[in-house]
Amino acid sequence: MMSDPKNIALISIESVPDGMRPLGLVRGSTARSRNIARDITAGLKNLVGGEVTSYTKLMADAREEAIYRMQEDAARMGATMVVGVRFASSMVSQGVSEMVAWGTAVGPMDGQ
């Protein structure tokens, strides 16, 4: 039975903790599109400067979805944590951005 993905710990350290073994690469991604209202607001914000909060929220939501999908991938492998967590974003096409999260799934050594 797969554990709850939200229980998978996420750690940015580069090494596998003592007593744990690597299970493999895990990843999660999502692609999100902007909408016309956000584009108009962003265009106006470019004129005066400052944070474009609608885009900030869009990317934050995308990051959380990518994290959750990575945790689901790790849970399917029987992992208890993911180490070396990394993120990247890119523009896939006009108005569509992709957020990717990846890392190494790890679990307890056999017999522990």
C-alpha atoms as a PDB file:
ATOM      1  CA  MET A   1       0.000   0.000   0.000  1.00  0.00           C
ATOM      2  CA  MET A   2       1.330   3.410  -0.963  1.00  0.00           C
ATOM      3  CA  SER A   3       1.888   5.847   1.912  1.00  0.00           C
ATOM      4  CA  ASP A   4       0.462   9.367   1.844  1.00  0.00           C
ATOM      5  CA  PRO A   5       2.722  11.364  -0.515  1.00  0.00           C
ATOM      6  CA  LYS A   6       2.549  14.381   1.805  1.00  0.00           C
ATOM      7  CA  ASN A   7       4.433  12.326   4.428  1.00  0.00           C
ATOM      8  CA  ILE A   8       7.509  12.092   2.173  1.00  0.00           C
ATOM      9  CA  ALA A   9      10.198  14.387   3.623  1.00  0.00           C
ATOM     10  CA  LEU A  10      11.933  16.709   1.150  1.00  0.00           C
ATOM     11  CA  ILE A  11      15.577  17.596   1.820  1.00  0.00           C
ATOM     12  CA  SER A  12      18.039  19.584  -0.273  1.00  0.00           C
ATOM     13  CA  ILE A  13      21.178  17.823   1.069  1.00  0.00           C
ATOM     14  CA  GLU A  14      23.304  16.077  -1.547  1.00  0.00           C
ATOM     15  CA  SER A  15      24.057  12.849   0.322  1.00  0.00           C
ATOM     16  CA  VAL A  16      21.975   9.879   1.375  1.00  0.00           C
ATOM     17  CA  PRO A  17      21.617   9.894   5.190  1.00  0.00           C
ATOM     18  CA  ASP A  18      23.165   7.065   7.218  1.00  0.00           C
ATOM     19  CA  GLY A  19      20.902   4.040   7.490  1.00  0.00           C
ATOM     20  CA  MET A  20      19.140   4.923   4.223  1.00  0.00           C
ATOM     21  CA  ARG A  21      19.546   3.628   0.683  1.00  0.00           C
ATOM     22  CA  PRO A  22      18.853   5.354  -2.639  1.00  0.00           C
ATOM     23  CA  LEU A  23      15.818   4.046  -4.514  1.00  0.00           C
ATOM     24  CA  GLY A  24      16.084   6.111  -7.674  1.00  0.00           C
ATOM     25  CA  LEU A  25      15.235   9.349  -9.407  1.00  0.00           C
ATOM     26  CA  VAL A  26      11.816  10.843  -8.746  1.00  0.00           C
ATOM     27  CA  ARG A  27      10.212  13.790 -10.470  1.00  0.00           C
ATOM     28  CA  GLY A  28       7.069  15.778 -10.834  1.00  0.00           C
ATOM     29  CA  SER A  29       6.043  18.464 -13.280  1.00  0.00           C
ATOM     30  CA  THR A  30       3.164  20.643 -14.328  1.00  0.00           C
ATOM     31  CA  ALA A  31       2.581  23.103 -17.145  1.00  0.00           C
ATOM     32  CA  ARG A  32       0.461  26.166 -16.484  1.00  0.00           C
ATOM     33  CA  SER A  33      -0.904  28.777 -18.840  1.00  0.00           C
ATOM     34  CA  ARG A  34      -1.478  32.441 -18.212  1.00  0.00           C
ATOM     35  CA  ASN A  35      -4.754  34.112 -19.064  1.00  0.00           C
ATOM     36  CA  ILE A  36      -5.598  37.362 -20.809  1.00  0.00           C
ATOM     37  CA  ALA A  37      -6.556  39.169 -17.587  1.00  0.00           C
ATOM     38  CA  ARG A  38      -3.181  38.288 -16.032  1.00  0.00           C
ATOM     39  CA  ASP A  39      -1.381  39.416 -19.179  1.00  0.00           C
ATOM     40  CA  ILE A  40      -3.127  42.796 -19.138  1.00  0.00           C
ATOM     41  CA  THR A  41      -2.373  43.267 -15.433  1.00  0.00           C
ATOM     42  CA  ALA A  42       1.255  42.231 -15.983  1.00  0.00           C
ATOM     43  CA  GLY A  43       1.575  44.664 -18.889  1.00  0.00           C
ATOM     44  CA  LEU A  44       0.327  47.516 -16.724  1.00  0.00           C
ATOM     45  CA  LYS A  45       2.627  46.461 -13.877  1.00  0.00           C
ATOM     46  CA  ASN A  46       5.580  46.577 -16.308  1.00  0.00           C
ATOM     47  CA  LEU A  47       4.869  50.254 -16.851  1.00  0.00           C
ATOM     48  CA  VAL A  48       5.097  51.153 -13.170  1.00  0.00           C
ATOM     49  CA  GLY A  49       7.308  48.341 -11.860  1.00  0.00           C
ATOM     50  CA  GLY A  50       6.837  45.995  -8.932  1.00  0.00           C
ATOM     51  CA  GLU A  51       5.838  42.421  -8.334  1.00  0.00           C
ATOM     52  CA  VAL A  52       3.304  40.814 -10.639  1.00  0.00           C
ATOM     53  CA  THR A  53       1.428  38.973  -7.901  1.00  0.00           C
ATOM     54  CA  SER A  54      -0.786  36.988 -10.285  1.00  0.00           C
ATOM     55  CA  TYR A  55       2.300  35.443 -11.915  1.00  0.00           C
ATOM     56  CA  THR A  56       3.929  34.894  -8.524  1.00  0.00           C
ATOM     57  CA  LYS A  57       0.859  32.948  -7.395  1.00  0.00           C
ATOM     58  CA  LEU A  58       0.725  31.019 -10.674  1.00  0.00           C
ATOM     59  CA  MET A  59       4.352  29.887 -10.264  1.00  0.00           C
ATOM     60  CA  ALA A  60       3.921  29.128  -6.540  1.00  0.00           C
ATOM     61  CA  ASP A  61       0.896  26.942  -7.315  1.00  0.00           C
ATOM     62  CA  ALA A  62       2.839  25.207 -10.098  1.00  0.00           C
ATOM     63  CA  ARG A  63       5.777  24.586  -7.756  1.00  0.00           C
ATOM     64  CA  GLU A  64       3.496  23.019  -5.114  1.00  0.00           C
ATOM     65  CA  GLU A  65       1.870  20.761  -7.733  1.00  0.00           C
ATOM     66  CA  ALA A  66       5.284  19.644  -9.046  1.00  0.00           C
ATOM     67  CA  ILE A  67       6.402  18.893  -5.466  1.00  0.00           C
ATOM     68  CA  TYR A  68       3.287  16.835  -4.779  1.00  0.00           C
ATOM     69  CA  ARG A  69       3.712  14.846  -7.991  1.00  0.00           C
ATOM     70  CA  MET A  70       7.346  14.160  -7.062  1.00  0.00           C
ATOM     71  CA  GLN A  71       6.201  12.983  -3.621  1.00  0.00           C
ATOM     72  CA  GLU A  72       3.645  10.676  -5.293  1.00  0.00           C
ATOM     73  CA  ASP A  73       6.443   9.226  -7.444  1.00  0.00           C
ATOM     74  CA  ALA A  74       8.571   8.676  -4.313  1.00  0.00           C
ATOM     75  CA  ALA A  75       5.691   7.070  -2.399  1.00  0.00           C
ATOM     76  CA  ARG A  76       5.138   4.603  -5.268  1.00  0.00           C
ATOM     77  CA  MET A  77       8.788   3.538  -4.817  1.00  0.00           C
ATOM     78  CA  GLY A  78       8.355   3.040  -1.056  1.00  0.00           C
ATOM     79  CA  ALA A  79      10.539   6.033  -0.159  1.00  0.00           C
ATOM     80  CA  THR A  80      10.420   7.888   3.132  1.00  0.00           C
ATOM     81  CA  MET A  81      12.247  10.973   1.861  1.00  0.00           C
ATOM     82  CA  VAL A  82      13.645  12.686  -1.196  1.00  0.00           C
ATOM     83  CA  VAL A  83      17.156  14.149  -1.051  1.00  0.00           C
ATOM     84  CA  GLY A  84      18.864  16.531  -3.444  1.00  0.00           C
ATOM     85  CA  VAL A  85      15.579  18.257  -4.289  1.00  0.00           C
ATOM     86  CA  ARG A  86      15.861  20.666  -7.211  1.00  0.00           C
ATOM     87  CA  PHE A  87      13.494  22.840  -9.236  1.00  0.00           C
ATOM     88  CA  ALA A  88      13.529  24.289 -12.727  1.00  0.00           C
ATOM     89  CA  SER A  89      11.068  26.276 -14.760  1.00  0.00           C
ATOM     90  CA  SER A  90      10.885  27.006 -18.437  1.00  0.00           C
ATOM     91  CA  MET A  91       8.587  28.477 -21.034  1.00  0.00           C
ATOM     92  CA  VAL A  92       7.151  25.592 -23.049  1.00  0.00           C
ATOM     93  CA  SER A  93       5.316  27.792 -25.556  1.00  0.00           C
ATOM     94  CA  GLN A  94       3.866  31.285 -25.717  1.00  0.00           C
ATOM     95  CA  GLY A  95       2.105  31.824 -22.389  1.00  0.00           C
ATOM     96  CA  VAL A  96       2.762  28.314 -21.019  1.00  0.00           C
ATOM     97  CA  SER A  97       5.349  27.661 -18.310  1.00  0.00           C
ATOM     98  CA  GLU A  98       6.486  24.313 -16.955  1.00  0.00           C
ATOM     99  CA  MET A  99       7.698  23.725 -13.396  1.00  0.00           C
ATOM    100  CA  VAL A 100       9.741  20.581 -12.708  1.00  0.00           C
ATOM    101  CA  ALA A 101      10.867  19.176  -9.349  1.00  0.00           C
ATOM    102  CA  TRP A 102      13.265  16.244  -9.015  1.00  0.00           C
ATOM    103  CA  GLY A 103      15.473  14.456  -6.531  1.00  0.00           C
ATOM    104  CA  THR A 104      16.610  11.059  -5.270  1.00  0.00           C
ATOM    105  CA  ALA A 105      14.111   8.891  -3.419  1.00  0.00           C
ATOM    106  CA  VAL A 106      15.573   7.144  -0.381  1.00  0.00           C
ATOM    107  CA  GLY A 107      14.272   4.591   2.070  1.00  0.00           C
ATOM    108  CA  PRO A 108      15.540   2.606   5.061  1.00  0.00           C
ATOM    109  CA  MET A 109      18.218  -0.018   4.543  1.00  0.00           C
ATOM    110  CA  ASP A 110      16.778  -3.518   4.280  1.00  0.00           C
ATOM    111  CA  GLY A 111      16.014  -4.915   7.722  1.00  0.00           C
ATOM    112  CA  GLN A 112      15.692  -1.516   9.405  1.00  0.00           C
END
